[in-house]
């Protein structure tokens, strides 16, 4: 049986991304999810391409993030999730609370 070791949150911070890259290049991580809505994402993307060992290229997925960073969509109509600057301003507890309010749940969906 083959076990795939995955790391979330590439792009969250430069240091987190460097640590993840170390695991990739050591052959210990096989897949990662990226967070494209952080303020340092461009920097971490450049770091990835400059430092990746082609022999250890991981599978890459997108980490759907509704809690941290900036919304990559148009912020209009997302007042339940983002502030006026487009920054997520919601907690897990609030998301759970929204789930039990049909009107709000429909708008958030």
C-alpha atoms as a PDB file:
ATOM      1  CA  UNK A   1       0.000   0.000   0.000  1.00  0.00           C
ATOM      2  CA  UNK A   2       1.319   3.426  -0.970  1.00  0.00           C
ATOM      3  CA  UNK A   3       0.695   6.262   1.480  1.00  0.00           C
ATOM      4  CA  UNK A   4       0.481   9.818   0.143  1.00  0.00           C
ATOM      5  CA  UNK A   5       1.716  12.453   2.601  1.00  0.00           C
ATOM      6  CA  UNK A   6      -0.006  15.801   2.046  1.00  0.00           C
ATOM      7  CA  UNK A   7       0.677  19.292   3.432  1.00  0.00           C
ATOM      8  CA  UNK A   8      -1.928  22.050   3.560  1.00  0.00           C
ATOM      9  CA  UNK A   9      -1.378  25.796   3.479  1.00  0.00           C
ATOM     10  CA  UNK A  10       1.491  26.346   1.014  1.00  0.00           C
ATOM     11  CA  UNK A  11       1.488  30.125   0.606  1.00  0.00           C
ATOM     12  CA  UNK A  12       0.157  30.923   4.077  1.00  0.00           C
ATOM     13  CA  UNK A  13       3.508  32.491   5.033  1.00  0.00           C
ATOM     14  CA  UNK A  14       6.957  32.405   3.473  1.00  0.00           C
ATOM     15  CA  UNK A  15       8.347  30.395   6.404  1.00  0.00           C
ATOM     16  CA  UNK A  16       5.508  27.846   6.222  1.00  0.00           C
ATOM     17  CA  UNK A  17       6.134  27.507   2.493  1.00  0.00           C
ATOM     18  CA  UNK A  18       9.880  27.046   2.997  1.00  0.00           C
ATOM     19  CA  UNK A  19       9.229  24.293   5.532  1.00  0.00           C
ATOM     20  CA  UNK A  20       6.826  22.581   3.140  1.00  0.00           C
ATOM     21  CA  UNK A  21       9.360  22.899   0.319  1.00  0.00           C
ATOM     22  CA  UNK A  22      11.994  21.258   2.498  1.00  0.00           C
ATOM     23  CA  UNK A  23       9.677  18.285   2.989  1.00  0.00           C
ATOM     24  CA  UNK A  24       8.958  18.086  -0.748  1.00  0.00           C
ATOM     25  CA  UNK A  25      12.605  18.203  -1.782  1.00  0.00           C
ATOM     26  CA  UNK A  26      13.463  15.589   0.834  1.00  0.00           C
ATOM     27  CA  UNK A  27      10.905  13.291  -0.812  1.00  0.00           C
ATOM     28  CA  UNK A  28       8.700  13.232   2.301  1.00  0.00           C
ATOM     29  CA  UNK A  29       5.698  15.140   0.900  1.00  0.00           C
ATOM     30  CA  UNK A  30       3.825  13.966  -2.179  1.00  0.00           C
ATOM     31  CA  UNK A  31       1.094  16.578  -2.488  1.00  0.00           C
ATOM     32  CA  UNK A  32       0.327  20.094  -1.286  1.00  0.00           C
ATOM     33  CA  UNK A  33      -2.587  22.469  -1.279  1.00  0.00           C
ATOM     34  CA  UNK A  34      -1.946  26.111  -2.002  1.00  0.00           C
ATOM     35  CA  UNK A  35      -3.600  29.167  -0.481  1.00  0.00           C
ATOM     36  CA  UNK A  36      -3.801  31.690  -3.342  1.00  0.00           C
ATOM     37  CA  UNK A  37      -5.508  34.422  -1.321  1.00  0.00           C
ATOM     38  CA  UNK A  38      -2.689  35.390   1.025  1.00  0.00           C
ATOM     39  CA  UNK A  39      -0.650  38.574   0.788  1.00  0.00           C
ATOM     40  CA  UNK A  40       2.585  36.616   0.255  1.00  0.00           C
ATOM     41  CA  UNK A  41       1.265  34.163  -2.342  1.00  0.00           C
ATOM     42  CA  UNK A  42       3.192  35.666  -5.282  1.00  0.00           C
ATOM     43  CA  UNK A  43       6.405  35.526  -3.263  1.00  0.00           C
ATOM     44  CA  UNK A  44       5.804  31.900  -2.234  1.00  0.00           C
ATOM     45  CA  UNK A  45       4.896  30.955  -5.808  1.00  0.00           C
ATOM     46  CA  UNK A  46       8.202  32.359  -7.058  1.00  0.00           C
ATOM     47  CA  UNK A  47      10.003  30.555  -4.224  1.00  0.00           C
ATOM     48  CA  UNK A  48       8.372  27.283  -5.284  1.00  0.00           C
ATOM     49  CA  UNK A  49       9.483  27.512  -8.902  1.00  0.00           C
ATOM     50  CA  UNK A  50      13.017  28.602  -7.991  1.00  0.00           C
ATOM     51  CA  UNK A  51      13.538  25.884  -5.380  1.00  0.00           C
ATOM     52  CA  UNK A  52      11.570  22.810  -6.462  1.00  0.00           C
ATOM     53  CA  UNK A  53      13.538  19.648  -7.132  1.00  0.00           C
ATOM     54  CA  UNK A  54      11.978  18.443 -10.409  1.00  0.00           C
ATOM     55  CA  UNK A  55      12.412  14.842  -9.227  1.00  0.00           C
ATOM     56  CA  UNK A  56      10.010  15.477  -6.352  1.00  0.00           C
ATOM     57  CA  UNK A  57       7.261  17.539  -8.021  1.00  0.00           C
ATOM     58  CA  UNK A  58       4.174  17.186  -5.781  1.00  0.00           C
ATOM     59  CA  UNK A  59       0.555  17.026  -6.858  1.00  0.00           C
ATOM     60  CA  UNK A  60      -0.945  20.455  -6.262  1.00  0.00           C
ATOM     61  CA  UNK A  61      -4.495  21.341  -5.284  1.00  0.00           C
ATOM     62  CA  UNK A  62      -6.184  24.555  -4.156  1.00  0.00           C
ATOM     63  CA  UNK A  63      -7.036  24.941  -0.491  1.00  0.00           C
ATOM     64  CA  UNK A  64     -10.533  26.415  -0.325  1.00  0.00           C
ATOM     65  CA  UNK A  65     -10.243  29.022   2.355  1.00  0.00           C
ATOM     66  CA  UNK A  66     -13.160  31.018   3.751  1.00  0.00           C
ATOM     67  CA  UNK A  67     -11.478  32.069   6.989  1.00  0.00           C
ATOM     68  CA  UNK A  68      -8.175  33.841   6.324  1.00  0.00           C
ATOM     69  CA  UNK A  69      -6.752  36.290   3.845  1.00  0.00           C
ATOM     70  CA  UNK A  70      -8.433  38.087   0.994  1.00  0.00           C
ATOM     71  CA  UNK A  71     -11.337  36.837  -1.067  1.00  0.00           C
ATOM     72  CA  UNK A  72     -10.190  36.176  -4.650  1.00  0.00           C
ATOM     73  CA  UNK A  73     -13.748  36.717  -5.933  1.00  0.00           C
ATOM     74  CA  UNK A  74     -15.621  39.973  -6.285  1.00  0.00           C
ATOM     75  CA  UNK A  75     -16.465  41.038  -2.717  1.00  0.00           C
ATOM     76  CA  UNK A  76     -19.849  42.434  -3.763  1.00  0.00           C
ATOM     77  CA  UNK A  77     -22.598  40.347  -2.222  1.00  0.00           C
ATOM     78  CA  UNK A  78     -20.253  38.622   0.225  1.00  0.00           C
ATOM     79  CA  UNK A  79     -20.889  40.809   3.273  1.00  0.00           C
ATOM     80  CA  UNK A  80     -21.523  37.716   5.414  1.00  0.00           C
ATOM     81  CA  UNK A  81     -17.962  36.520   4.749  1.00  0.00           C
ATOM     82  CA  UNK A  82     -15.728  39.549   4.058  1.00  0.00           C
ATOM     83  CA  UNK A  83     -15.266  43.089   5.299  1.00  0.00           C
ATOM     84  CA  UNK A  84     -15.329  46.217   3.123  1.00  0.00           C
ATOM     85  CA  UNK A  85     -11.712  45.578   2.026  1.00  0.00           C
ATOM     86  CA  UNK A  86     -12.487  42.015   0.903  1.00  0.00           C
ATOM     87  CA  UNK A  87     -10.705  40.412   3.870  1.00  0.00           C
ATOM     88  CA  UNK A  88     -12.379  37.342   5.372  1.00  0.00           C
ATOM     89  CA  UNK A  89     -13.872  38.256   8.745  1.00  0.00           C
ATOM     90  CA  UNK A  90     -15.613  35.088   9.826  1.00  0.00           C
ATOM     91  CA  UNK A  91     -14.953  32.341  12.371  1.00  0.00           C
ATOM     92  CA  UNK A  92     -15.786  28.647  12.372  1.00  0.00           C
ATOM     93  CA  UNK A  93     -18.375  29.315  15.068  1.00  0.00           C
ATOM     94  CA  UNK A  94     -20.076  31.910  12.897  1.00  0.00           C
ATOM     95  CA  UNK A  95     -20.126  29.511   9.928  1.00  0.00           C
ATOM     96  CA  UNK A  96     -21.787  26.886  12.118  1.00  0.00           C
ATOM     97  CA  UNK A  97     -24.312  29.482  13.306  1.00  0.00           C
ATOM     98  CA  UNK A  98     -25.042  30.473   9.685  1.00  0.00           C
ATOM     99  CA  UNK A  99     -25.739  26.824   8.887  1.00  0.00           C
ATOM    100  CA  UNK A 100     -28.773  26.899  11.204  1.00  0.00           C
ATOM    101  CA  UNK A 101     -30.249  30.085   9.744  1.00  0.00           C
ATOM    102  CA  UNK A 102     -31.873  29.142   6.428  1.00  0.00           C
ATOM    103  CA  UNK A 103     -31.894  32.689   5.005  1.00  0.00           C
ATOM    104  CA  UNK A 104     -28.255  33.396   5.822  1.00  0.00           C
ATOM    105  CA  UNK A 105     -27.133  29.879   4.837  1.00  0.00           C
ATOM    106  CA  UNK A 106     -28.694  30.341   1.394  1.00  0.00           C
ATOM    107  CA  UNK A 107     -26.914  33.698   0.902  1.00  0.00           C
ATOM    108  CA  UNK A 108     -23.557  32.334   2.082  1.00  0.00           C
ATOM    109  CA  UNK A 109     -23.847  29.328  -0.218  1.00  0.00           C
END
